[in-house]
Every structure is written in structure tokens, then in C-alpha cells.
Amino acid sequence: MHQFRDRPDTEDVEALVPVEELDRPRQVVAREREGAGGLVDGYILQSLNGRSRTAVYTWVRTGDPGTVEQYLRELSTEIYPQGKTR
């Protein structure tokens, strides 16, 4: 399960995903915002619980897909330099 948290003015969201996808969750995720005319929200992996098989993501930005994607790439490079992961 993925949990998406901390987006202003909205409740936290839980999304079920196939079990094999949780073996290696992505460090950053962009999700389309429902009913927002193509805007997306960007999230970064905050924590991973192997026992409950839950990946928790924290909201970092909203905007058009290109802007959010670029921001998430830059952020992941700062947090995980030279391809290192948690």
C-alpha cells in the first residue's frame, strides 16, 4: 500500500498497488490531481515499512507535470546523490 500525506487542504490518501511493486517503491511519485485540469502533485518517499508493506510519501509540490517532474528530479538528486537510496 502507498500512503500519500501532507498535501494542504486534503485528507491523506491510501492507494493499493500490486505486491511486487512494493518490493522496490519509487523514491519520488507524481500523481494527477483529480478534477484539476492536468495538475499533478509530487511526493517523495518518507518511509517504508516492510512488515506492513506500506510506503509513505510526503507531498512536496503541485503544478503542471513538467514543472513538478523537474522539481522532483532535482530534489531526489539532492537527497540521494550519485544514485544512492535509503
N, C-alpha and C. Protein backbone atom coordinates (compact mmCIF):
# COMPACT_ATOMS: atom_id res chain seq x y z
N MET A 1 0.83 -1.16 0.00
CA MET A 1 0.00 0.00 0.00
C MET A 1 0.89 1.24 0.00
N HIS A 2 0.45 2.26 -0.71
CA HIS A 2 1.12 3.56 -0.69
C HIS A 2 0.23 4.52 0.07
N GLN A 3 0.82 5.31 0.95
CA GLN A 3 0.10 6.37 1.64
C GLN A 3 0.68 7.71 1.18
N PHE A 4 -0.19 8.60 0.73
CA PHE A 4 0.23 9.92 0.28
C PHE A 4 -0.28 10.93 1.31
N ARG A 5 0.66 11.67 1.93
CA ARG A 5 0.32 12.52 3.06
C ARG A 5 0.74 13.98 2.86
N ASP A 6 0.13 14.81 3.69
CA ASP A 6 0.55 16.20 3.91
C ASP A 6 0.24 17.18 2.79
N ARG A 7 -0.60 16.81 1.82
CA ARG A 7 -0.99 17.80 0.81
C ARG A 7 -1.95 18.77 1.47
N PRO A 8 -1.71 20.07 1.36
CA PRO A 8 -2.58 21.05 2.01
C PRO A 8 -4.03 20.91 1.54
N ASP A 9 -4.95 21.12 2.46
CA ASP A 9 -6.38 21.16 2.17
C ASP A 9 -6.94 19.84 1.64
N THR A 10 -6.33 18.73 2.00
CA THR A 10 -6.88 17.44 1.58
C THR A 10 -6.53 16.38 2.61
N GLU A 11 -7.31 15.31 2.62
CA GLU A 11 -7.03 14.20 3.53
C GLU A 11 -5.91 13.34 2.95
N ASP A 12 -5.26 12.57 3.82
CA ASP A 12 -4.26 11.63 3.35
C ASP A 12 -4.95 10.57 2.49
N VAL A 13 -4.23 10.04 1.50
CA VAL A 13 -4.78 9.07 0.57
C VAL A 13 -4.00 7.77 0.67
N GLU A 14 -4.72 6.65 0.67
CA GLU A 14 -4.08 5.34 0.61
C GLU A 14 -4.41 4.72 -0.74
N ALA A 15 -3.42 4.14 -1.37
CA ALA A 15 -3.62 3.50 -2.68
C ALA A 15 -3.03 2.11 -2.64
N LEU A 16 -3.84 1.11 -2.99
CA LEU A 16 -3.35 -0.25 -3.05
C LEU A 16 -2.63 -0.46 -4.37
N VAL A 17 -1.50 -1.13 -4.32
CA VAL A 17 -0.74 -1.44 -5.53
C VAL A 17 -0.37 -2.92 -5.49
N PRO A 18 -0.09 -3.54 -6.64
CA PRO A 18 0.31 -4.94 -6.63
C PRO A 18 1.51 -5.18 -5.71
N VAL A 19 1.51 -6.30 -5.03
CA VAL A 19 2.55 -6.62 -4.05
C VAL A 19 3.95 -6.51 -4.63
N GLU A 20 4.16 -7.00 -5.85
CA GLU A 20 5.51 -6.98 -6.42
C GLU A 20 6.04 -5.57 -6.61
N GLU A 21 5.17 -4.58 -6.76
CA GLU A 21 5.63 -3.20 -6.91
C GLU A 21 6.16 -2.62 -5.61
N LEU A 22 5.73 -3.14 -4.46
CA LEU A 22 6.20 -2.63 -3.18
C LEU A 22 7.59 -3.15 -2.82
N ASP A 23 8.09 -4.14 -3.56
CA ASP A 23 9.43 -4.64 -3.27
C ASP A 23 10.47 -3.55 -3.46
N ARG A 24 10.22 -2.62 -4.36
CA ARG A 24 11.14 -1.52 -4.61
C ARG A 24 10.33 -0.27 -4.99
N PRO A 25 9.76 0.41 -4.00
CA PRO A 25 8.96 1.60 -4.34
C PRO A 25 9.83 2.71 -4.90
N ARG A 26 9.24 3.50 -5.75
CA ARG A 26 9.96 4.64 -6.33
C ARG A 26 10.26 5.67 -5.25
N GLN A 27 11.36 6.38 -5.40
CA GLN A 27 11.75 7.41 -4.44
C GLN A 27 10.86 8.65 -4.55
N VAL A 28 10.39 8.93 -5.75
CA VAL A 28 9.51 10.07 -5.98
C VAL A 28 8.33 9.61 -6.83
N VAL A 29 7.18 10.24 -6.64
CA VAL A 29 5.97 9.88 -7.37
C VAL A 29 5.23 11.16 -7.73
N ALA A 30 4.73 11.23 -8.95
CA ALA A 30 3.85 12.32 -9.36
C ALA A 30 2.48 11.72 -9.63
N ARG A 31 1.46 12.29 -9.03
CA ARG A 31 0.09 11.78 -9.19
C ARG A 31 -0.79 12.90 -9.72
N GLU A 32 -1.63 12.55 -10.72
CA GLU A 32 -2.55 13.54 -11.27
C GLU A 32 -3.60 13.90 -10.22
N ARG A 33 -3.85 15.18 -10.09
CA ARG A 33 -4.85 15.65 -9.13
C ARG A 33 -6.22 15.57 -9.78
N GLU A 34 -7.14 14.86 -9.15
CA GLU A 34 -8.47 14.67 -9.72
C GLU A 34 -9.20 15.99 -9.91
N GLY A 35 -9.78 16.17 -11.09
CA GLY A 35 -10.58 17.35 -11.36
C GLY A 35 -9.82 18.66 -11.37
N ALA A 36 -8.50 18.60 -11.60
CA ALA A 36 -7.70 19.82 -11.54
C ALA A 36 -7.14 20.21 -12.91
N GLY A 37 -7.70 19.70 -13.97
CA GLY A 37 -7.30 20.12 -15.30
C GLY A 37 -5.85 19.85 -15.66
N GLY A 38 -5.33 18.69 -15.28
CA GLY A 38 -3.98 18.31 -15.66
C GLY A 38 -2.90 18.63 -14.65
N LEU A 39 -3.24 19.25 -13.52
CA LEU A 39 -2.24 19.49 -12.48
C LEU A 39 -1.86 18.18 -11.80
N VAL A 40 -0.63 18.11 -11.37
CA VAL A 40 -0.17 16.93 -10.64
C VAL A 40 0.41 17.35 -9.30
N ASP A 41 0.43 16.40 -8.38
CA ASP A 41 1.08 16.57 -7.08
C ASP A 41 2.33 15.72 -7.08
N GLY A 42 3.42 16.24 -6.53
CA GLY A 42 4.66 15.50 -6.40
C GLY A 42 4.86 15.05 -4.97
N TYR A 43 5.31 13.81 -4.80
CA TYR A 43 5.55 13.23 -3.48
C TYR A 43 6.93 12.60 -3.45
N ILE A 44 7.53 12.57 -2.25
CA ILE A 44 8.81 11.90 -2.08
C ILE A 44 8.67 10.85 -0.99
N LEU A 45 9.36 9.73 -1.16
CA LEU A 45 9.28 8.63 -0.20
C LEU A 45 9.80 9.09 1.15
N GLN A 46 8.96 8.98 2.17
CA GLN A 46 9.32 9.38 3.51
C GLN A 46 9.79 8.19 4.34
N SER A 47 9.05 7.07 4.22
CA SER A 47 9.43 5.87 4.98
C SER A 47 8.86 4.64 4.31
N LEU A 48 9.40 3.50 4.68
CA LEU A 48 8.98 2.22 4.13
C LEU A 48 8.90 1.23 5.28
N ASN A 49 7.76 0.57 5.42
CA ASN A 49 7.57 -0.42 6.46
C ASN A 49 7.43 -1.77 5.79
N GLY A 50 8.48 -2.58 5.88
CA GLY A 50 8.47 -3.89 5.25
C GLY A 50 7.47 -4.84 5.85
N ARG A 51 7.24 -4.71 7.14
CA ARG A 51 6.30 -5.61 7.83
C ARG A 51 4.87 -5.39 7.34
N SER A 52 4.44 -4.14 7.28
CA SER A 52 3.07 -3.85 6.82
C SER A 52 3.01 -3.64 5.31
N ARG A 53 4.18 -3.65 4.65
CA ARG A 53 4.29 -3.45 3.21
C ARG A 53 3.65 -2.13 2.79
N THR A 54 4.04 -1.06 3.51
CA THR A 54 3.50 0.27 3.27
C THR A 54 4.62 1.25 2.98
N ALA A 55 4.46 1.99 1.89
CA ALA A 55 5.38 3.07 1.54
C ALA A 55 4.64 4.38 1.81
N VAL A 56 5.26 5.27 2.60
CA VAL A 56 4.63 6.54 2.97
C VAL A 56 5.34 7.66 2.20
N TYR A 57 4.55 8.43 1.47
CA TYR A 57 5.06 9.54 0.67
C TYR A 57 4.55 10.86 1.24
N THR A 58 5.41 11.90 1.21
CA THR A 58 5.06 13.23 1.68
C THR A 58 4.96 14.18 0.50
N TRP A 59 3.89 14.99 0.48
CA TRP A 59 3.64 15.95 -0.58
C TRP A 59 4.72 17.02 -0.59
N VAL A 60 5.20 17.40 -1.77
CA VAL A 60 6.20 18.46 -1.86
C VAL A 60 5.85 19.59 -2.82
N ARG A 61 4.99 19.32 -3.82
CA ARG A 61 4.73 20.38 -4.80
C ARG A 61 3.52 20.06 -5.67
N THR A 62 2.86 21.11 -6.17
CA THR A 62 1.77 20.99 -7.13
C THR A 62 2.07 21.89 -8.32
N GLY A 63 1.69 21.44 -9.51
CA GLY A 63 1.86 22.26 -10.70
C GLY A 63 1.62 21.47 -11.95
N ASP A 64 2.06 22.02 -13.08
CA ASP A 64 1.92 21.27 -14.33
C ASP A 64 2.94 20.13 -14.30
N PRO A 65 2.69 19.05 -15.03
CA PRO A 65 3.54 17.86 -14.95
C PRO A 65 5.03 18.12 -15.18
N GLY A 66 5.38 18.95 -16.15
CA GLY A 66 6.79 19.20 -16.44
C GLY A 66 7.52 19.89 -15.30
N THR A 67 6.87 20.87 -14.70
CA THR A 67 7.47 21.60 -13.58
C THR A 67 7.65 20.71 -12.37
N VAL A 68 6.61 19.94 -12.04
CA VAL A 68 6.69 19.05 -10.88
C VAL A 68 7.74 17.96 -11.10
N GLU A 69 7.77 17.39 -12.31
CA GLU A 69 8.76 16.35 -12.60
C GLU A 69 10.19 16.88 -12.44
N GLN A 70 10.46 18.06 -12.97
CA GLN A 70 11.79 18.65 -12.85
C GLN A 70 12.16 18.89 -11.39
N TYR A 71 11.21 19.41 -10.61
CA TYR A 71 11.46 19.66 -9.19
C TYR A 71 11.75 18.35 -8.46
N LEU A 72 10.99 17.30 -8.73
CA LEU A 72 11.20 16.01 -8.07
C LEU A 72 12.55 15.41 -8.44
N ARG A 73 12.96 15.57 -9.70
CA ARG A 73 14.29 15.08 -10.10
C ARG A 73 15.39 15.80 -9.34
N GLU A 74 15.28 17.11 -9.26
CA GLU A 74 16.29 17.89 -8.53
C GLU A 74 16.30 17.52 -7.05
N LEU A 75 15.14 17.36 -6.47
CA LEU A 75 15.04 17.01 -5.06
C LEU A 75 15.62 15.63 -4.79
N SER A 76 15.32 14.66 -5.66
CA SER A 76 15.85 13.31 -5.44
C SER A 76 17.37 13.28 -5.63
N THR A 77 17.90 14.13 -6.49
CA THR A 77 19.35 14.21 -6.67
C THR A 77 20.01 14.77 -5.42
N GLU A 78 19.37 15.74 -4.78
CA GLU A 78 19.91 16.31 -3.55
C GLU A 78 19.87 15.30 -2.41
N ILE A 79 18.78 14.56 -2.32
CA ILE A 79 18.60 13.63 -1.21
C ILE A 79 19.37 12.34 -1.43
N TYR A 80 19.42 11.87 -2.67
CA TYR A 80 20.09 10.61 -3.00
C TYR A 80 21.19 10.85 -4.04
N PRO A 81 22.27 11.53 -3.67
CA PRO A 81 23.31 11.85 -4.65
C PRO A 81 23.96 10.58 -5.21
N GLN A 82 24.35 10.66 -6.46
CA GLN A 82 25.07 9.59 -7.16
C GLN A 82 24.34 8.26 -7.09
N GLY A 83 23.00 8.30 -7.18
CA GLY A 83 22.21 7.09 -7.27
C GLY A 83 22.03 6.31 -5.99
N LYS A 84 22.45 6.86 -4.85
CA LYS A 84 22.27 6.16 -3.58
C LYS A 84 20.82 6.24 -3.16
N THR A 85 20.34 5.19 -2.51
CA THR A 85 18.98 5.17 -1.97
C THR A 85 19.03 4.84 -0.49
N ARG A 86 17.88 4.98 0.13
CA ARG A 86 17.81 4.68 1.57
C ARG A 86 18.05 3.23 1.82
